[in-house]
């Protein structure tokens, strides 16, 4: 019998309690097994949340539009850290959230939810082109990237989005093509109501890369990273929102 979300949440809380007990035994085997159980039941809960939320969105008039409006799913996470009094590692369950995975959303739908199913391949090709752009920006030759880049789906290799973008205008055009393939609302002139702006491209440029594992290295964007970023761009376009900056604020 399928468990309810409340029952699955209780399973997570129980597993964390058992993991905390296992930590006190100092047995690596017991601790490892208990933490694996935590991850397993946590995965079941979050998968059930996704299934329930997706079902609700599929029942709407425009599932993709509603998914983009919603943006995030309410999930649970578990963190283990030393207790501030005892110094002993202990786990706790926290409310969390995750950006809706539009690839999973499309894959699990029984009917088409996007104007153009090529969008995922276009997104991966865009990640590749933006990697070439970023790699060149930090002074590197792209010979190795072009010969060693690993596509998640080989169909992405044949997508034509144009040349490696060297200007904001080129990036805007490429990103607009992807947006059009995911969500298109005719503005009465045969164009998409949702127009990509310079700030959308800049948002992706500033967030797609991370610090690499080695000194002087940069972690380049993968397809899934680009999907998450484009999902947020779409959310901004649909909801009419603005990007915000996070930084340390001086205490008065």
Protein backbone atom coordinates (compact mmCIF):
# COMPACT_ATOMS: atom_id res chain seq x y z
CA UNK A 1 0.00 0.00 0.00
CA UNK A 2 1.34 3.45 -0.94
CA UNK A 3 2.32 5.54 2.04
CA UNK A 4 1.05 9.08 2.55
CA UNK A 5 3.40 12.05 2.72
CA UNK A 6 2.86 12.23 6.47
CA UNK A 7 3.86 8.59 6.83
CA UNK A 8 6.91 9.07 4.62
CA UNK A 9 7.93 12.15 6.62
CA UNK A 10 7.62 10.11 9.81
CA UNK A 11 9.91 7.49 8.21
CA UNK A 12 12.52 10.20 7.59
CA UNK A 13 12.31 11.44 11.17
CA UNK A 14 12.60 7.88 12.49
CA UNK A 15 15.60 7.15 10.27
CA UNK A 16 17.36 10.30 11.51
CA UNK A 17 16.68 9.31 15.13
CA UNK A 18 18.19 5.87 14.46
CA UNK A 19 21.17 7.45 12.73
CA UNK A 20 21.79 9.67 15.74
CA UNK A 21 21.78 6.57 17.94
CA UNK A 22 24.18 4.81 15.58
CA UNK A 23 26.60 7.76 15.74
CA UNK A 24 26.91 7.23 19.50
CA UNK A 25 28.10 3.64 18.94
CA UNK A 26 31.24 4.79 17.05
CA UNK A 27 30.67 1.89 14.64
CA UNK A 28 31.51 2.99 11.10
CA UNK A 29 29.41 0.15 9.70
CA UNK A 30 26.38 1.04 11.81
CA UNK A 31 26.71 4.76 11.07
CA UNK A 32 27.15 4.17 7.34
CA UNK A 33 24.13 1.88 7.19
CA UNK A 34 21.96 4.27 9.19
CA UNK A 35 22.89 7.27 7.04
CA UNK A 36 22.17 5.28 3.90
CA UNK A 37 18.71 4.52 5.27
CA UNK A 38 18.21 8.23 5.88
CA UNK A 39 19.13 9.03 2.28
CA UNK A 40 16.86 6.26 0.98
CA UNK A 41 13.74 7.32 2.87
CA UNK A 42 14.49 10.99 2.21
CA UNK A 43 14.57 10.20 -1.50
CA UNK A 44 11.24 8.41 -1.27
CA UNK A 45 9.62 11.37 0.48
CA UNK A 46 10.91 13.96 -1.98
CA UNK A 47 9.99 11.78 -4.96
CA UNK A 48 6.45 11.44 -3.58
CA UNK A 49 6.22 15.23 -3.16
CA UNK A 50 7.30 15.68 -6.78
CA UNK A 51 4.77 13.13 -8.02
CA UNK A 52 1.93 14.77 -6.09
CA UNK A 53 2.84 18.30 -7.17
CA UNK A 54 3.36 17.26 -10.81
CA UNK A 55 -0.06 15.58 -10.87
CA UNK A 56 -1.68 18.78 -9.64
CA UNK A 57 0.15 20.86 -12.27
CA UNK A 58 -0.72 18.44 -15.09
CA UNK A 59 -4.39 18.94 -14.27
CA UNK A 60 -4.20 22.69 -15.04
CA UNK A 61 -4.98 24.31 -18.39
CA UNK A 62 -1.31 25.13 -19.09
CA UNK A 63 0.92 22.78 -17.07
CA UNK A 64 4.26 24.25 -18.13
CA UNK A 65 3.16 27.80 -17.41
CA UNK A 66 1.91 26.77 -13.97
CA UNK A 67 5.11 24.83 -13.25
CA UNK A 68 7.20 27.88 -14.12
CA UNK A 69 5.00 30.08 -11.94
CA UNK A 70 5.39 27.66 -9.03
CA UNK A 71 9.17 27.34 -9.59
CA UNK A 72 9.94 25.37 -6.42
CA UNK A 73 8.80 22.17 -4.74
CA UNK A 74 8.59 21.88 -0.93
CA UNK A 75 11.07 19.19 0.06
CA UNK A 76 12.88 17.90 3.13
CA UNK A 77 16.62 17.82 3.72
CA UNK A 78 18.73 16.25 6.46
CA UNK A 79 21.89 17.77 7.84
CA UNK A 80 24.46 16.26 10.19
CA UNK A 81 26.64 18.60 12.25
CA UNK A 82 28.32 18.61 15.68
CA UNK A 83 26.07 19.47 18.60
CA UNK A 84 27.13 22.85 20.02
CA UNK A 85 27.15 21.46 23.58
CA UNK A 86 28.53 17.94 23.18
CA UNK A 87 30.46 18.25 19.95
CA UNK A 88 28.92 14.95 18.81
CA UNK A 89 27.56 14.88 15.28
CA UNK A 90 23.78 14.73 15.16
CA UNK A 91 21.26 14.83 12.35
CA UNK A 92 18.16 16.95 12.00
CA UNK A 93 15.30 17.19 9.48
CA UNK A 94 14.71 20.55 7.83
CA UNK A 95 12.10 21.98 5.51
CA UNK A 96 13.71 22.80 2.19
CA UNK A 97 12.86 23.45 -1.43
CA UNK A 98 14.12 22.57 -4.88
CA UNK A 99 13.69 24.14 -8.31
CA UNK A 100 11.27 22.12 -10.43
CA UNK A 101 13.19 19.94 -12.89
CA UNK A 102 11.55 20.79 -16.21
CA UNK A 103 13.09 17.75 -17.89
CA UNK A 104 11.47 15.45 -15.33
CA UNK A 105 8.27 17.47 -15.59
CA UNK A 106 8.13 16.90 -19.35
CA UNK A 107 9.20 13.24 -19.14
CA UNK A 108 6.49 12.35 -16.61
CA UNK A 109 3.66 14.02 -18.51
CA UNK A 110 1.33 11.86 -20.59
CA UNK A 111 0.73 14.75 -23.02
CA UNK A 112 3.06 17.36 -24.56
CA UNK A 113 3.70 20.32 -22.23
CA UNK A 114 6.12 22.35 -24.37
CA UNK A 115 5.88 23.87 -27.89
CA UNK A 116 9.15 22.24 -28.94
CA UNK A 117 10.58 19.10 -27.37
CA UNK A 118 14.03 20.03 -28.71
CA UNK A 119 14.44 22.56 -25.89
CA UNK A 120 16.46 20.20 -23.70
CA UNK A 121 18.98 19.57 -26.48
CA UNK A 122 19.10 23.29 -27.22
CA UNK A 123 19.80 23.93 -23.54
CA UNK A 124 22.69 21.49 -23.47
CA UNK A 125 24.14 23.01 -26.63
CA UNK A 126 23.78 26.43 -25.03
CA UNK A 127 25.71 25.17 -21.98
CA UNK A 128 28.45 24.00 -24.36
CA UNK A 129 28.58 27.32 -26.21
CA UNK A 130 28.62 29.28 -22.98
CA UNK A 131 31.47 27.09 -21.75
CA UNK A 132 33.43 27.97 -24.87
CA UNK A 133 32.67 31.64 -24.19
CA UNK A 134 33.71 31.47 -20.52
CA UNK A 135 36.80 29.39 -21.22
CA UNK A 136 37.97 31.91 -23.81
CA UNK A 137 37.21 34.77 -21.41
CA UNK A 138 39.71 33.39 -18.88
CA UNK A 139 42.39 33.18 -21.57
CA UNK A 140 42.19 29.57 -22.71
CA UNK A 141 42.20 27.90 -26.11
CA UNK A 142 39.00 25.90 -26.72
CA UNK A 143 40.66 23.02 -28.58
CA UNK A 144 40.42 20.68 -25.57
CA UNK A 145 36.82 21.65 -24.75
CA UNK A 146 35.72 21.02 -28.34
CA UNK A 147 37.37 17.60 -28.44
CA UNK A 148 36.56 16.39 -24.90
CA UNK A 149 33.13 17.86 -24.08
CA UNK A 150 30.77 15.12 -22.92
CA UNK A 151 27.16 15.45 -24.02
CA UNK A 152 24.48 13.92 -21.79
CA UNK A 153 22.45 13.38 -24.96
CA UNK A 154 24.23 13.11 -28.30
CA UNK A 155 21.22 14.75 -30.01
CA UNK A 156 22.42 18.01 -28.50
CA UNK A 157 25.55 17.90 -30.64
CA UNK A 158 23.57 18.46 -33.84
CA UNK A 159 21.49 21.39 -32.57
CA UNK A 160 22.27 24.61 -34.42
CA UNK A 161 22.07 27.62 -32.09
CA UNK A 162 24.69 29.56 -33.96
CA UNK A 163 28.34 30.27 -33.24
CA UNK A 164 29.95 30.69 -29.85
CA UNK A 165 28.44 33.94 -28.54
CA UNK A 166 30.85 36.82 -28.17
CA UNK A 167 28.27 39.53 -27.52
CA UNK A 168 25.23 40.06 -25.32
CA UNK A 169 23.07 40.30 -28.45
CA UNK A 170 24.16 36.85 -29.64
CA UNK A 171 23.52 35.30 -26.22
CA UNK A 172 20.12 36.98 -26.03
CA UNK A 173 19.11 35.54 -29.41
CA UNK A 174 20.21 32.04 -28.41
CA UNK A 175 18.48 32.18 -25.04
CA UNK A 176 15.29 33.50 -26.67
CA UNK A 177 15.21 30.44 -28.95
CA UNK A 178 15.25 28.19 -25.88
CA UNK A 179 12.59 30.23 -24.08
CA UNK A 180 10.37 30.05 -27.20
CA UNK A 181 10.74 26.27 -27.25
CA UNK A 182 9.64 25.94 -23.61
CA UNK A 183 6.94 28.58 -23.27
CA UNK A 184 5.42 30.60 -26.09
CA UNK A 185 2.59 33.12 -25.83
CA UNK A 186 1.84 34.94 -29.08
CA UNK A 187 1.84 38.69 -28.60
CA UNK A 188 -0.37 39.14 -31.65
CA UNK A 189 2.58 39.70 -33.96
CA UNK A 190 3.75 36.10 -34.13
CA UNK A 191 6.37 36.81 -31.46
CA UNK A 192 6.72 35.54 -27.93
CA UNK A 193 5.24 37.67 -25.18
CA UNK A 194 8.13 36.51 -22.99
CA UNK A 195 11.12 38.50 -24.21
CA UNK A 196 14.63 37.77 -23.01
CA UNK A 197 16.44 40.92 -21.87
CA UNK A 198 20.10 41.77 -21.40
CA UNK A 199 19.79 41.27 -17.64
CA UNK A 200 18.59 37.68 -18.16
CA UNK A 201 21.74 36.88 -20.09
CA UNK A 202 23.87 38.63 -17.47
CA UNK A 203 22.17 36.63 -14.73
CA UNK A 204 23.15 33.40 -16.45
CA UNK A 205 26.67 34.64 -17.11
CA UNK A 206 27.23 35.53 -13.45
CA UNK A 207 25.73 32.34 -12.01
CA UNK A 208 26.54 29.53 -14.43
CA UNK A 209 30.15 29.00 -13.33
CA UNK A 210 31.67 28.13 -9.99
CA UNK A 211 35.09 27.83 -8.42
CA UNK A 212 36.88 24.71 -9.65
CA UNK A 213 38.28 21.93 -7.47
CA UNK A 214 41.86 22.87 -8.33
CA UNK A 215 43.53 26.26 -7.77
CA UNK A 216 43.12 28.68 -10.68
CA UNK A 217 40.29 26.58 -12.15
CA UNK A 218 36.68 27.38 -13.00
CA UNK A 219 33.82 24.89 -12.93
CA UNK A 220 31.93 25.26 -16.19
CA UNK A 221 28.14 24.91 -16.56
CA UNK A 222 26.55 21.51 -17.15
CA UNK A 223 23.21 20.95 -18.83
CA UNK A 224 21.31 20.48 -15.58
CA UNK A 225 22.77 23.69 -14.17
CA UNK A 226 21.64 25.55 -17.28
CA UNK A 227 18.15 24.03 -17.04
CA UNK A 228 17.82 25.34 -13.47
CA UNK A 229 19.03 28.81 -14.46
CA UNK A 230 16.75 29.04 -17.50
CA UNK A 231 13.83 27.89 -15.35
CA UNK A 232 14.49 30.86 -13.08
CA UNK A 233 14.77 33.21 -16.04
CA UNK A 234 11.38 31.95 -17.25
CA UNK A 235 9.93 32.49 -13.78
CA UNK A 236 11.15 36.09 -13.83
CA UNK A 237 9.69 36.68 -17.29
CA UNK A 238 6.30 35.20 -16.38
CA UNK A 239 5.99 36.82 -12.97
CA UNK A 240 7.53 40.17 -13.88
CA UNK A 241 10.12 39.95 -11.13
CA UNK A 242 13.62 41.39 -10.73
CA UNK A 243 16.94 39.77 -9.89
CA UNK A 244 18.45 40.49 -6.49
CA UNK A 245 21.99 40.57 -5.14
CA UNK A 246 23.18 38.84 -1.98
CA UNK A 247 26.11 40.34 -0.07
CA UNK A 248 27.39 40.91 3.44
CA UNK A 249 25.71 43.84 5.15
CA UNK A 250 27.67 45.95 7.60
CA UNK A 251 26.30 45.87 11.14
CA UNK A 252 25.35 49.21 12.64
